[in-house]
Amino acid sequence: MFRIQKRIEIAGAHHLNLPYESKCRNVHGHSWILTIYCQASDEAVEANNGMVIDFTNIKEVVMRLDHSDLNQILEENPTAENIARWICLHTPYCYQVDVQESEGNIATYVVD
């Protein structure tokens, strides 16, 4: 089994749909630090030019979010948790995504 990870930073705007008062209900932005984890079997890597997935393919998925209004891209409330899940579900071979929204605030999505 091979595992890789790609760390990338993106910027974007969003607002959260919350049932309580919060400044996050207003449009605001973040510079998110993302870590995307992918894995594949030895056989799959051999069949894919010796790679789990080309790092460029991961970047192409993630850059769909960069400098965007995430409320326009994600179907669900664009929380850090839902951003992590969206990236994981749109990235081949992905089994985990960490989304750091700010220093000390990290959400992780892991495929069961």
PDB file of N, CA and C in Angstrom:
ATOM      1  N   MET A   1       0.850  -1.177   0.000  1.00  0.00           N
ATOM      2  CA  MET A   1       0.000   0.000   0.000  1.00  0.00           C
ATOM      3  C   MET A   1       0.896   1.240   0.000  1.00  0.00           C
ATOM      4  N   PHE A   2       0.557   2.179  -0.847  1.00  0.00           N
ATOM      5  CA  PHE A   2       1.253   3.463  -0.897  1.00  0.00           C
ATOM      6  C   PHE A   2       0.310   4.555  -0.412  1.00  0.00           C
ATOM      7  N   ARG A   3       0.872   5.522   0.285  1.00  0.00           N
ATOM      8  CA  ARG A   3       0.104   6.684   0.734  1.00  0.00           C
ATOM      9  C   ARG A   3       0.879   7.952   0.391  1.00  0.00           C
ATOM     10  N   ILE A   4       0.145   8.962  -0.035  1.00  0.00           N
ATOM     11  CA  ILE A   4       0.741  10.259  -0.310  1.00  0.00           C
ATOM     12  C   ILE A   4      -0.090  11.333   0.386  1.00  0.00           C
ATOM     13  N   GLN A   5       0.485  12.502   0.507  1.00  0.00           N
ATOM     14  CA  GLN A   5      -0.278  13.641   0.988  1.00  0.00           C
ATOM     15  C   GLN A   5       0.167  14.881   0.251  1.00  0.00           C
ATOM     16  N   LYS A   6      -0.786  15.781   0.041  1.00  0.00           N
ATOM     17  CA  LYS A   6      -0.504  17.065  -0.593  1.00  0.00           C
ATOM     18  C   LYS A   6      -1.042  18.152   0.313  1.00  0.00           C
ATOM     19  N   ARG A   7      -0.210  19.142   0.573  1.00  0.00           N
ATOM     20  CA  ARG A   7      -0.601  20.284   1.393  1.00  0.00           C
ATOM     21  C   ARG A   7      -0.673  21.486   0.463  1.00  0.00           C
ATOM     22  N   ILE A   8      -1.770  22.215   0.558  1.00  0.00           N
ATOM     23  CA  ILE A   8      -1.991  23.352  -0.321  1.00  0.00           C
ATOM     24  C   ILE A   8      -2.813  24.402   0.410  1.00  0.00           C
ATOM     25  N   GLU A   9      -2.593  25.652   0.075  1.00  0.00           N
ATOM     26  CA  GLU A   9      -3.346  26.745   0.683  1.00  0.00           C
ATOM     27  C   GLU A   9      -4.240  27.373  -0.367  1.00  0.00           C
ATOM     28  N   ILE A  10      -5.482  27.625   0.025  1.00  0.00           N
ATOM     29  CA  ILE A  10      -6.424  28.316  -0.853  1.00  0.00           C
ATOM     30  C   ILE A  10      -7.070  29.457  -0.084  1.00  0.00           C
ATOM     31  N   ALA A  11      -7.600  30.398  -0.823  1.00  0.00           N
ATOM     32  CA  ALA A  11      -8.342  31.507  -0.230  1.00  0.00           C
ATOM     33  C   ALA A  11      -9.750  31.474  -0.792  1.00  0.00           C
ATOM     34  N   GLY A  12     -10.691  31.876   0.013  1.00  0.00           N
ATOM     35  CA  GLY A  12     -12.062  31.897  -0.472  1.00  0.00           C
ATOM     36  C   GLY A  12     -12.972  32.579   0.523  1.00  0.00           C
ATOM     37  N   ALA A  13     -14.191  32.780   0.088  1.00  0.00           N
ATOM     38  CA  ALA A  13     -15.209  33.412   0.927  1.00  0.00           C
ATOM     39  C   ALA A  13     -16.355  32.439   1.158  1.00  0.00           C
ATOM     40  N   HIS A  14     -17.045  32.664   2.241  1.00  0.00           N
ATOM     41  CA  HIS A  14     -18.260  31.889   2.528  1.00  0.00           C
ATOM     42  C   HIS A  14     -19.032  32.589   3.634  1.00  0.00           C
ATOM     43  N   HIS A  15     -20.231  32.132   3.836  1.00  0.00           N
ATOM     44  CA  HIS A  15     -20.985  32.491   5.027  1.00  0.00           C
ATOM     45  C   HIS A  15     -21.683  31.219   5.485  1.00  0.00           C
ATOM     46  N   LEU A  16     -21.864  31.095   6.776  1.00  0.00           N
ATOM     47  CA  LEU A  16     -22.474  29.887   7.318  1.00  0.00           C
ATOM     48  C   LEU A  16     -23.942  30.124   7.612  1.00  0.00           C
ATOM     49  N   ASN A  17     -24.740  29.146   7.294  1.00  0.00           N
ATOM     50  CA  ASN A  17     -26.168  29.166   7.594  1.00  0.00           C
ATOM     51  C   ASN A  17     -26.345  28.532   8.965  1.00  0.00           C
ATOM     52  N   LEU A  18     -26.505  29.370   9.965  1.00  0.00           N
ATOM     53  CA  LEU A  18     -26.570  28.905  11.344  1.00  0.00           C
ATOM     54  C   LEU A  18     -27.885  29.336  11.991  1.00  0.00           C
ATOM     55  N   PRO A  19     -28.428  28.510  12.883  1.00  0.00           N
ATOM     56  CA  PRO A  19     -29.692  28.840  13.543  1.00  0.00           C
ATOM     57  C   PRO A  19     -29.499  29.736  14.774  1.00  0.00           C
ATOM     58  N   TYR A  20     -28.315  30.287  14.955  1.00  0.00           N
ATOM     59  CA  TYR A  20     -28.030  31.163  16.094  1.00  0.00           C
ATOM     60  C   TYR A  20     -27.195  32.345  15.614  1.00  0.00           C
ATOM     61  N   GLU A  21     -27.145  33.387  16.410  1.00  0.00           N
ATOM     62  CA  GLU A  21     -26.378  34.584  16.053  1.00  0.00           C
ATOM     63  C   GLU A  21     -24.888  34.257  16.049  1.00  0.00           C
ATOM     64  N   SER A  22     -24.229  34.634  14.983  1.00  0.00           N
ATOM     65  CA  SER A  22     -22.792  34.419  14.865  1.00  0.00           C
ATOM     66  C   SER A  22     -22.262  35.339  13.782  1.00  0.00           C
ATOM     67  N   LYS A  23     -21.066  35.874  13.983  1.00  0.00           N
ATOM     68  CA  LYS A  23     -20.463  36.704  12.952  1.00  0.00           C
ATOM     69  C   LYS A  23     -20.169  35.891  11.691  1.00  0.00           C
ATOM     70  N   CYS A  24     -20.120  34.577  11.828  1.00  0.00           N
ATOM     71  CA  CYS A  24     -19.861  33.709  10.670  1.00  0.00           C
ATOM     72  C   CYS A  24     -21.062  33.616   9.719  1.00  0.00           C
ATOM     73  N   ARG A  25     -22.204  34.170  10.124  1.00  0.00           N
ATOM     74  CA  ARG A  25     -23.362  34.231   9.231  1.00  0.00           C
ATOM     75  C   ARG A  25     -23.153  35.286   8.143  1.00  0.00           C
ATOM     76  N   ASN A  26     -22.199  36.198   8.377  1.00  0.00           N
ATOM     77  CA  ASN A  26     -21.869  37.224   7.386  1.00  0.00           C
ATOM     78  C   ASN A  26     -20.806  36.693   6.424  1.00  0.00           C
ATOM     79  N   VAL A  27     -20.806  37.212   5.219  1.00  0.00           N
ATOM     80  CA  VAL A  27     -19.789  36.812   4.254  1.00  0.00           C
ATOM     81  C   VAL A  27     -18.415  37.228   4.784  1.00  0.00           C
ATOM     82  N   HIS A  28     -17.490  36.266   4.767  1.00  0.00           N
ATOM     83  CA  HIS A  28     -16.125  36.515   5.221  1.00  0.00           C
ATOM     84  C   HIS A  28     -15.202  35.536   4.508  1.00  0.00           C
ATOM     85  N   GLY A  29     -13.924  35.724   4.666  1.00  0.00           N
ATOM     86  CA  GLY A  29     -12.978  34.872   3.964  1.00  0.00           C
ATOM     87  C   GLY A  29     -11.950  34.246   4.883  1.00  0.00           C
ATOM     88  N   HIS A  30     -11.281  33.247   4.329  1.00  0.00           N
ATOM     89  CA  HIS A  30     -10.214  32.539   5.033  1.00  0.00           C
ATOM     90  C   HIS A  30      -9.122  32.194   4.031  1.00  0.00           C
ATOM     91  N   SER A  31      -7.955  31.947   4.572  1.00  0.00           N
ATOM     92  CA  SER A  31      -6.898  31.270   3.830  1.00  0.00           C
ATOM     93  C   SER A  31      -6.794  29.891   4.467  1.00  0.00           C
ATOM     94  N   TRP A  32      -7.436  28.920   3.841  1.00  0.00           N
ATOM     95  CA  TRP A  32      -7.465  27.567   4.378  1.00  0.00           C
ATOM     96  C   TRP A  32      -6.186  26.834   4.008  1.00  0.00           C
ATOM     97  N   ILE A  33      -5.671  26.056   4.940  1.00  0.00           N
ATOM     98  CA  ILE A  33      -4.553  25.161   4.662  1.00  0.00           C
ATOM     99  C   ILE A  33      -5.136  23.756   4.622  1.00  0.00           C
ATOM    100  N   LEU A  34      -4.973  23.105   3.487  1.00  0.00           N
ATOM    101  CA  LEU A  34      -5.571  21.800   3.258  1.00  0.00           C
ATOM    102  C   LEU A  34      -4.486  20.742   3.163  1.00  0.00           C
ATOM    103  N   THR A  35      -4.750  19.596   3.753  1.00  0.00           N
ATOM    104  CA  THR A  35      -3.877  18.441   3.571  1.00  0.00           C
ATOM    105  C   THR A  35      -4.750  17.306   3.070  1.00  0.00           C
ATOM    106  N   ILE A  36      -4.409  16.820   1.881  1.00  0.00           N
ATOM    107  CA  ILE A  36      -5.186  15.771   1.223  1.00  0.00           C
ATOM    108  C   ILE A  36      -4.361  14.489   1.237  1.00  0.00           C
ATOM    109  N   TYR A  37      -4.963  13.401   1.715  1.00  0.00           N
ATOM    110  CA  TYR A  37      -4.287  12.114   1.831  1.00  0.00           C
ATOM    111  C   TYR A  37      -4.919  11.127   0.854  1.00  0.00           C
ATOM    112  N   CYS A  38      -4.089  10.449   0.075  1.00  0.00           N
ATOM    113  CA  CYS A  38      -4.575   9.446  -0.876  1.00  0.00           C
ATOM    114  C   CYS A  38      -3.784   8.167  -0.695  1.00  0.00           C
ATOM    115  N   GLN A  39      -4.395   7.049  -1.058  1.00  0.00           N
ATOM    116  CA  GLN A  39      -3.701   5.764  -0.968  1.00  0.00           C
ATOM    117  C   GLN A  39      -4.144   4.851  -2.088  1.00  0.00           C
ATOM    118  N   ALA A  40      -3.253   3.932  -2.453  1.00  0.00           N
ATOM    119  CA  ALA A  40      -3.566   2.939  -3.477  1.00  0.00           C
ATOM    120  C   ALA A  40      -2.691   1.715  -3.257  1.00  0.00           C
ATOM    121  N   SER A  41      -3.172   0.607  -3.741  1.00  0.00           N
ATOM    122  CA  SER A  41      -2.438  -0.652  -3.615  1.00  0.00           C
ATOM    123  C   SER A  41      -1.204  -0.643  -4.505  1.00  0.00           C
ATOM    124  N   ASP A  42      -0.287  -1.565  -4.241  1.00  0.00           N
ATOM    125  CA  ASP A  42       0.911  -1.702  -5.074  1.00  0.00           C
ATOM    126  C   ASP A  42       0.531  -1.884  -6.538  1.00  0.00           C
ATOM    127  N   GLU A  43      -0.472  -2.718  -6.785  1.00  0.00           N
ATOM    128  CA  GLU A  43      -0.896  -2.994  -8.152  1.00  0.00           C
ATOM    129  C   GLU A  43      -1.449  -1.749  -8.837  1.00  0.00           C
ATOM    130  N   ALA A  44      -2.257  -0.987  -8.117  1.00  0.00           N
ATOM    131  CA  ALA A  44      -2.832   0.232  -8.683  1.00  0.00           C
ATOM    132  C   ALA A  44      -1.745   1.253  -8.994  1.00  0.00           C
ATOM    133  N   VAL A  45      -0.755   1.348  -8.136  1.00  0.00           N
ATOM    134  CA  VAL A  45       0.345   2.288  -8.362  1.00  0.00           C
ATOM    135  C   VAL A  45       1.162   1.858  -9.574  1.00  0.00           C
ATOM    136  N   GLU A  46       1.433   0.579  -9.674  1.00  0.00           N
ATOM    137  CA  GLU A  46       2.174   0.082 -10.844  1.00  0.00           C
ATOM    138  C   GLU A  46       1.417   0.377 -12.133  1.00  0.00           C
ATOM    139  N   ALA A  47       0.109   0.232 -12.108  1.00  0.00           N
ATOM    140  CA  ALA A  47      -0.707   0.477 -13.301  1.00  0.00           C
ATOM    141  C   ALA A  47      -0.875   1.967 -13.598  1.00  0.00           C
ATOM    142  N   ASN A  48      -0.532   2.824 -12.644  1.00  0.00           N
ATOM    143  CA  ASN A  48      -0.715   4.267 -12.800  1.00  0.00           C
ATOM    144  C   ASN A  48       0.645   4.978 -12.853  1.00  0.00           C
ATOM    145  N   ASN A  49       1.549   4.459 -13.645  1.00  0.00           N
ATOM    146  CA  ASN A  49       2.862   5.088 -13.856  1.00  0.00           C
ATOM    147  C   ASN A  49       3.667   5.265 -12.576  1.00  0.00           C
ATOM    148  N   GLY A  50       3.442   4.365 -11.606  1.00  0.00           N
ATOM    149  CA  GLY A  50       4.189   4.432 -10.364  1.00  0.00           C
ATOM    150  C   GLY A  50       3.692   5.474  -9.384  1.00  0.00           C
ATOM    151  N   MET A  51       2.470   5.955  -9.586  1.00  0.00           N
ATOM    152  CA  MET A  51       1.914   6.987  -8.701  1.00  0.00           C
ATOM    153  C   MET A  51       0.583   6.545  -8.117  1.00  0.00           C
ATOM    154  N   VAL A  52       0.318   6.984  -6.890  1.00  0.00           N
ATOM    155  CA  VAL A  52      -1.020   6.813  -6.325  1.00  0.00           C
ATOM    156  C   VAL A  52      -1.975   7.661  -7.159  1.00  0.00           C
ATOM    157  N   ILE A  53      -1.639   8.937  -7.296  1.00  0.00           N
ATOM    158  CA  ILE A  53      -2.354   9.901  -8.120  1.00  0.00           C
ATOM    159  C   ILE A  53      -1.365  11.022  -8.402  1.00  0.00           C
ATOM    160  N   ASP A  54      -1.434  11.589  -9.564  1.00  0.00           N
ATOM    161  CA  ASP A  54      -0.557  12.709  -9.889  1.00  0.00           C
ATOM    162  C   ASP A  54      -0.928  13.882  -8.987  1.00  0.00           C
ATOM    163  N   PHE A  55       0.055  14.498  -8.346  1.00  0.00           N
ATOM    164  CA  PHE A  55      -0.215  15.629  -7.461  1.00  0.00           C
ATOM    165  C   PHE A  55      -0.967  16.747  -8.195  1.00  0.00           C
ATOM    166  N   THR A  56      -0.737  16.854  -9.490  1.00  0.00           N
ATOM    167  CA  THR A  56      -1.435  17.861 -10.292  1.00  0.00           C
ATOM    168  C   THR A  56      -2.937  17.602 -10.308  1.00  0.00           C
ATOM    169  N   ASN A  57      -3.353  16.341 -10.321  1.00  0.00           N
ATOM    170  CA  ASN A  57      -4.778  16.012 -10.305  1.00  0.00           C
ATOM    171  C   ASN A  57      -5.440  16.442  -8.996  1.00  0.00           C
ATOM    172  N   ILE A  58      -4.724  16.300  -7.899  1.00  0.00           N
ATOM    173  CA  ILE A  58      -5.250  16.762  -6.612  1.00  0.00           C
ATOM    174  C   ILE A  58      -5.404  18.278  -6.647  1.00  0.00           C
ATOM    175  N   LYS A  59      -4.381  18.953  -7.140  1.00  0.00           N
ATOM    176  CA  LYS A  59      -4.417  20.411  -7.209  1.00  0.00           C
ATOM    177  C   LYS A  59      -5.571  20.902  -8.069  1.00  0.00           C
ATOM    178  N   GLU A  60      -5.856  20.212  -9.169  1.00  0.00           N
ATOM    179  CA  GLU A  60      -6.960  20.618 -10.049  1.00  0.00           C
ATOM    180  C   GLU A  60      -8.302  20.584  -9.310  1.00  0.00           C
ATOM    181  N   VAL A  61      -8.503  19.582  -8.479  1.00  0.00           N
ATOM    182  CA  VAL A  61      -9.750  19.496  -7.709  1.00  0.00           C
ATOM    183  C   VAL A  61      -9.823  20.650  -6.708  1.00  0.00           C
ATOM    184  N   VAL A  62      -8.763  20.817  -5.947  1.00  0.00           N
ATOM    185  CA  VAL A  62      -8.751  21.814  -4.882  1.00  0.00           C
ATOM    186  C   VAL A  62      -8.860  23.234  -5.436  1.00  0.00           C
ATOM    187  N   MET A  63      -8.207  23.500  -6.555  1.00  0.00           N
ATOM    188  CA  MET A  63      -8.206  24.861  -7.094  1.00  0.00           C
ATOM    189  C   MET A  63      -9.576  25.295  -7.607  1.00  0.00           C
ATOM    190  N   ARG A  64     -10.514  24.364  -7.728  1.00  0.00           N
ATOM    191  CA  ARG A  64     -11.897  24.746  -8.050  1.00  0.00           C
ATOM    192  C   ARG A  64     -12.499  25.588  -6.931  1.00  0.00           C
ATOM    193  N   LEU A  65     -11.928  25.485  -5.730  1.00  0.00           N
ATOM    194  CA  LEU A  65     -12.421  26.230  -4.580  1.00  0.00           C
ATOM    195  C   LEU A  65     -11.681  27.552  -4.376  1.00  0.00           C
ATOM    196  N   ASP A  66     -10.483  27.673  -4.924  1.00  0.00           N
ATOM    197  CA  ASP A  66      -9.625  28.828  -4.655  1.00  0.00           C
ATOM    198  C   ASP A  66     -10.230  30.123  -5.185  1.00  0.00           C
ATOM    199  N   HIS A  67     -10.231  31.138  -4.342  1.00  0.00           N
ATOM    200  CA  HIS A  67     -10.753  32.468  -4.665  1.00  0.00           C
ATOM    201  C   HIS A  67     -12.204  32.403  -5.170  1.00  0.00           C
ATOM    202  N   SER A  68     -12.979  31.558  -4.517  1.00  0.00           N
ATOM    203  CA  SER A  68     -14.384  31.374  -4.881  1.00  0.00           C
ATOM    204  C   SER A  68     -15.284  31.664  -3.690  1.00  0.00           C
ATOM    205  N   ASP A  69     -16.561  31.822  -3.990  1.00  0.00           N
ATOM    206  CA  ASP A  69     -17.591  31.875  -2.960  1.00  0.00           C
ATOM    207  C   ASP A  69     -18.035  30.432  -2.752  1.00  0.00           C
ATOM    208  N   LEU A  70     -17.617  29.831  -1.671  1.00  0.00           N
ATOM    209  CA  LEU A  70     -17.874  28.407  -1.445  1.00  0.00           C
ATOM    210  C   LEU A  70     -19.352  28.086  -1.311  1.00  0.00           C
ATOM    211  N   ASN A  71     -20.176  29.077  -0.971  1.00  0.00           N
ATOM    212  CA  ASN A  71     -21.618  28.852  -0.936  1.00  0.00           C
ATOM    213  C   ASN A  71     -22.163  28.553  -2.328  1.00  0.00           C
ATOM    214  N   GLN A  72     -21.457  28.971  -3.357  1.00  0.00           N
ATOM    215  CA  GLN A  72     -21.876  28.729  -4.735  1.00  0.00           C
ATOM    216  C   GLN A  72     -21.396  27.372  -5.254  1.00  0.00           C
ATOM    217  N   ILE A  73     -20.456  26.734  -4.549  1.00  0.00           N
ATOM    218  CA  ILE A  73     -19.881  25.468  -5.021  1.00  0.00           C
ATOM    219  C   ILE A  73     -20.398  24.280  -4.222  1.00  0.00           C
ATOM    220  N   LEU A  74     -20.365  24.382  -2.907  1.00  0.00           N
ATOM    221  CA  LEU A  74     -20.830  23.282  -2.062  1.00  0.00           C
ATOM    222  C   LEU A  74     -22.350  23.321  -1.956  1.00  0.00           C
ATOM    223  N   GLU A  75     -22.964  22.165  -2.019  1.00  0.00           N
ATOM    224  CA  GLU A  75     -24.416  22.088  -1.878  1.00  0.00           C
ATOM    225  C   GLU A  75     -24.846  22.219  -0.421  1.00  0.00           C
ATOM    226  N   GLU A  76     -23.945  21.858   0.501  1.00  0.00           N
ATOM    227  CA  GLU A  76     -24.272  21.942   1.916  1.00  0.00           C
ATOM    228  C   GLU A  76     -23.601  23.171   2.528  1.00  0.00           C
ATOM    229  N   ASN A  77     -23.934  23.448   3.766  1.00  0.00           N
ATOM    230  CA  ASN A  77     -23.356  24.569   4.497  1.00  0.00           C
ATOM    231  C   ASN A  77     -21.826  24.473   4.418  1.00  0.00           C
ATOM    232  N   PRO A  78     -21.115  25.497   3.943  1.00  0.00           N
ATOM    233  CA  PRO A  78     -19.677  25.383   3.705  1.00  0.00           C
ATOM    234  C   PRO A  78     -18.819  25.537   4.968  1.00  0.00           C
ATOM    235  N   THR A  79     -19.068  24.664   5.926  1.00  0.00           N
ATOM    236  CA  THR A  79     -18.240  24.602   7.126  1.00  0.00           C
ATOM    237  C   THR A  79     -16.916  23.942   6.772  1.00  0.00           C
ATOM    238  N   ALA A  80     -15.939  24.050   7.643  1.00  0.00           N
ATOM    239  CA  ALA A  80     -14.657  23.379   7.411  1.00  0.00           C
ATOM    240  C   ALA A  80     -14.870  21.871   7.252  1.00  0.00           C
ATOM    241  N   GLU A  81     -15.795  21.318   8.032  1.00  0.00           N
ATOM    242  CA  GLU A  81     -16.081  19.882   7.945  1.00  0.00           C
ATOM    243  C   GLU A  81     -16.621  19.515   6.562  1.00  0.00           C
ATOM    244  N   ASN A  82     -17.561  20.303   6.063  1.00  0.00           N
ATOM    245  CA  ASN A  82     -18.144  20.005   4.749  1.00  0.00           C
ATOM    246  C   ASN A  82     -17.173  20.282   3.602  1.00  0.00           C
ATOM    247  N   ILE A  83     -16.294  21.250   3.778  1.00  0.00           N
ATOM    248  CA  ILE A  83     -15.249  21.483   2.769  1.00  0.00           C
ATOM    249  C   ILE A  83     -14.341  20.259   2.697  1.00  0.00           C
ATOM    250  N   ALA A  84     -13.960  19.726   3.848  1.00  0.00           N
ATOM    251  CA  ALA A  84     -13.112  18.531   3.881  1.00  0.00           C
ATOM    252  C   ALA A  84     -13.783  17.359   3.181  1.00  0.00           C
ATOM    253  N   ARG A  85     -15.065  17.156   3.452  1.00  0.00           N
ATOM    254  CA  ARG A  85     -15.782  16.049   2.813  1.00  0.00           C
ATOM    255  C   ARG A  85     -15.878  16.265   1.302  1.00  0.00           C
ATOM    256  N   TRP A  86     -16.182  17.483   0.852  1.00  0.00           N
ATOM    257  CA  TRP A  86     -16.308  17.779  -0.571  1.00  0.00           C
ATOM    258  C   TRP A  86     -15.006  17.457  -1.295  1.00  0.00           C
ATOM    259  N   ILE A  87     -13.882  17.892  -0.735  1.00  0.00           N
ATOM    260  CA  ILE A  87     -12.584  17.618  -1.363  1.00  0.00           C
ATOM    261  C   ILE A  87     -12.338  16.114  -1.426  1.00  0.00           C
ATOM    262  N   CYS A  88     -12.603  15.425  -0.346  1.00  0.00           N
ATOM    263  CA  CYS A  88     -12.364  13.978  -0.294  1.00  0.00           C
ATOM    264  C   CYS A  88     -13.203  13.241  -1.338  1.00  0.00           C
ATOM    265  N   LEU A  89     -14.463  13.605  -1.457  1.00  0.00           N
ATOM    266  CA  LEU A  89     -15.354  12.920  -2.390  1.00  0.00           C
ATOM    267  C   LEU A  89     -15.047  13.245  -3.852  1.00  0.00           C
ATOM    268  N   HIS A  90     -14.364  14.361  -4.107  1.00  0.00           N
ATOM    269  CA  HIS A  90     -14.041  14.758  -5.476  1.00  0.00           C
ATOM    270  C   HIS A  90     -12.609  14.423  -5.895  1.00  0.00           C
ATOM    271  N   THR A  91     -11.837  13.818  -4.994  1.00  0.00           N
ATOM    272  CA  THR A  91     -10.443  13.486  -5.280  1.00  0.00           C
ATOM    273  C   THR A  91     -10.268  11.971  -5.331  1.00  0.00           C
ATOM    274  N   PRO A  92      -9.867  11.436  -6.475  1.00  0.00           N
ATOM    275  CA  PRO A  92      -9.659   9.992  -6.562  1.00  0.00           C
ATOM    276  C   PRO A  92      -8.627   9.493  -5.539  1.00  0.00           C
ATOM    277  N   TYR A  93      -8.886   8.322  -5.002  1.00  0.00           N
ATOM    278  CA  TYR A  93      -8.006   7.640  -4.050  1.00  0.00           C
ATOM    279  C   TYR A  93      -7.884   8.344  -2.703  1.00  0.00           C
ATOM    280  N   CYS A  94      -8.677   9.374  -2.469  1.00  0.00           N
ATOM    281  CA  CYS A  94      -8.583  10.136  -1.228  1.00  0.00           C
ATOM    282  C   CYS A  94      -9.277   9.381  -0.096  1.00  0.00           C
ATOM    283  N   TYR A  95      -8.616   9.350   1.052  1.00  0.00           N
ATOM    284  CA  TYR A  95      -9.224   8.723   2.222  1.00  0.00           C
ATOM    285  C   TYR A  95      -9.313   9.665   3.420  1.00  0.00           C
ATOM    286  N   GLN A  96      -8.633  10.834   3.335  1.00  0.00           N
ATOM    287  CA  GLN A  96      -8.689  11.780   4.443  1.00  0.00           C
ATOM    288  C   GLN A  96      -8.345  13.176   3.943  1.00  0.00           C
ATOM    289  N   VAL A  97      -9.005  14.168   4.517  1.00  0.00           N
ATOM    290  CA  VAL A  97      -8.694  15.566   4.238  1.00  0.00           C
ATOM    291  C   VAL A  97      -8.734  16.332   5.558  1.00  0.00           C
ATOM    292  N   ASP A  98      -7.692  17.139   5.791  1.00  0.00           N
ATOM    293  CA  ASP A  98      -7.657  18.059   6.927  1.00  0.00           C
ATOM    294  C   ASP A  98      -7.835  19.467   6.378  1.00  0.00           C
ATOM    295  N   VAL A  99      -8.723  20.236   6.992  1.00  0.00           N
ATOM    296  CA  VAL A  99      -8.950  21.626   6.607  1.00  0.00           C
ATOM    297  C   VAL A  99      -8.649  22.486   7.825  1.00  0.00           C
ATOM    298  N   GLN A 100      -7.587  23.277   7.727  1.00  0.00           N
ATOM    299  CA  GLN A 100      -7.251  24.218   8.789  1.00  0.00           C
ATOM    300  C   GLN A 100      -7.813  25.568   8.406  1.00  0.00           C
ATOM    301  N   GLU A 101      -8.822  25.985   9.145  1.00  0.00           N
ATOM    302  CA  GLU A 101      -9.506  27.244   8.858  1.00  0.00           C
ATOM    303  C   GLU A 101      -8.750  28.430   9.450  1.00  0.00           C
ATOM    304  N   SER A 102      -8.168  28.230  10.598  1.00  0.00           N
ATOM    305  CA  SER A 102      -7.351  29.246  11.260  1.00  0.00           C
ATOM    306  C   SER A 102      -6.443  28.510  12.240  1.00  0.00           C
ATOM    307  N   GLU A 103      -5.510  29.228  12.810  1.00  0.00           N
ATOM    308  CA  GLU A 103      -4.580  28.602  13.752  1.00  0.00           C
ATOM    309  C   GLU A 103      -5.355  27.913  14.876  1.00  0.00           C
ATOM    310  N   GLY A 104      -5.148  26.618  15.000  1.00  0.00           N
ATOM    311  CA  GLY A 104      -5.798  25.866  16.064  1.00  0.00           C
ATOM    312  C   GLY A 104      -7.164  25.305  15.739  1.00  0.00           C
ATOM    313  N   ASN A 105      -7.725  25.645  14.551  1.00  0.00           N
ATOM    314  CA  ASN A 105      -9.049  25.147  14.161  1.00  0.00           C
ATOM    315  C   ASN A 105      -8.932  24.281  12.912  1.00  0.00           C
ATOM    316  N   ILE A 106      -8.988  22.972  13.126  1.00  0.00           N
ATOM    317  CA  ILE A 106      -8.815  22.013  12.044  1.00  0.00           C
ATOM    318  C   ILE A 106      -9.972  21.025  12.055  1.00  0.00           C
ATOM    319  N   ALA A 107     -10.539  20.804  10.874  1.00  0.00           N
ATOM    320  CA  ALA A 107     -11.580  19.785  10.703  1.00  0.00           C
ATOM    321  C   ALA A 107     -11.008  18.675   9.822  1.00  0.00           C
ATOM    322  N   THR A 108     -11.351  17.436  10.142  1.00  0.00           N
ATOM    323  CA  THR A 108     -10.855  16.289   9.396  1.00  0.00           C
ATOM    324  C   THR A 108     -12.032  15.434   8.944  1.00  0.00           C
ATOM    325  N   TYR A 109     -11.972  15.025   7.664  1.00  0.00           N
ATOM    326  CA  TYR A 109     -12.933  14.058   7.147  1.00  0.00           C
ATOM    327  C   TYR A 109     -12.155  12.807   6.782  1.00  0.00           C
ATOM    328  N   VAL A 110     -12.635  11.648   7.244  1.00  0.00           N
ATOM    329  CA  VAL A 110     -11.996  10.368   6.975  1.00  0.00           C
ATOM    330  C   VAL A 110     -13.036   9.429   6.396  1.00  0.00           C
ATOM    331  N   VAL A 111     -12.689   8.776   5.292  1.00  0.00           N
ATOM    332  CA  VAL A 111     -13.566   7.778   4.697  1.00  0.00           C
ATOM    333  C   VAL A 111     -13.553   6.544   5.595  1.00  0.00           C
ATOM    334  N   ASP A 112     -14.737   6.038   5.937  1.00  0.00           N
ATOM    335  CA  ASP A 112     -14.824   4.824   6.768  1.00  0.00           C
ATOM    336  C   ASP A 112     -14.492   3.596   5.975  1.00  0.00           C
TER     337      ASP A 112
END
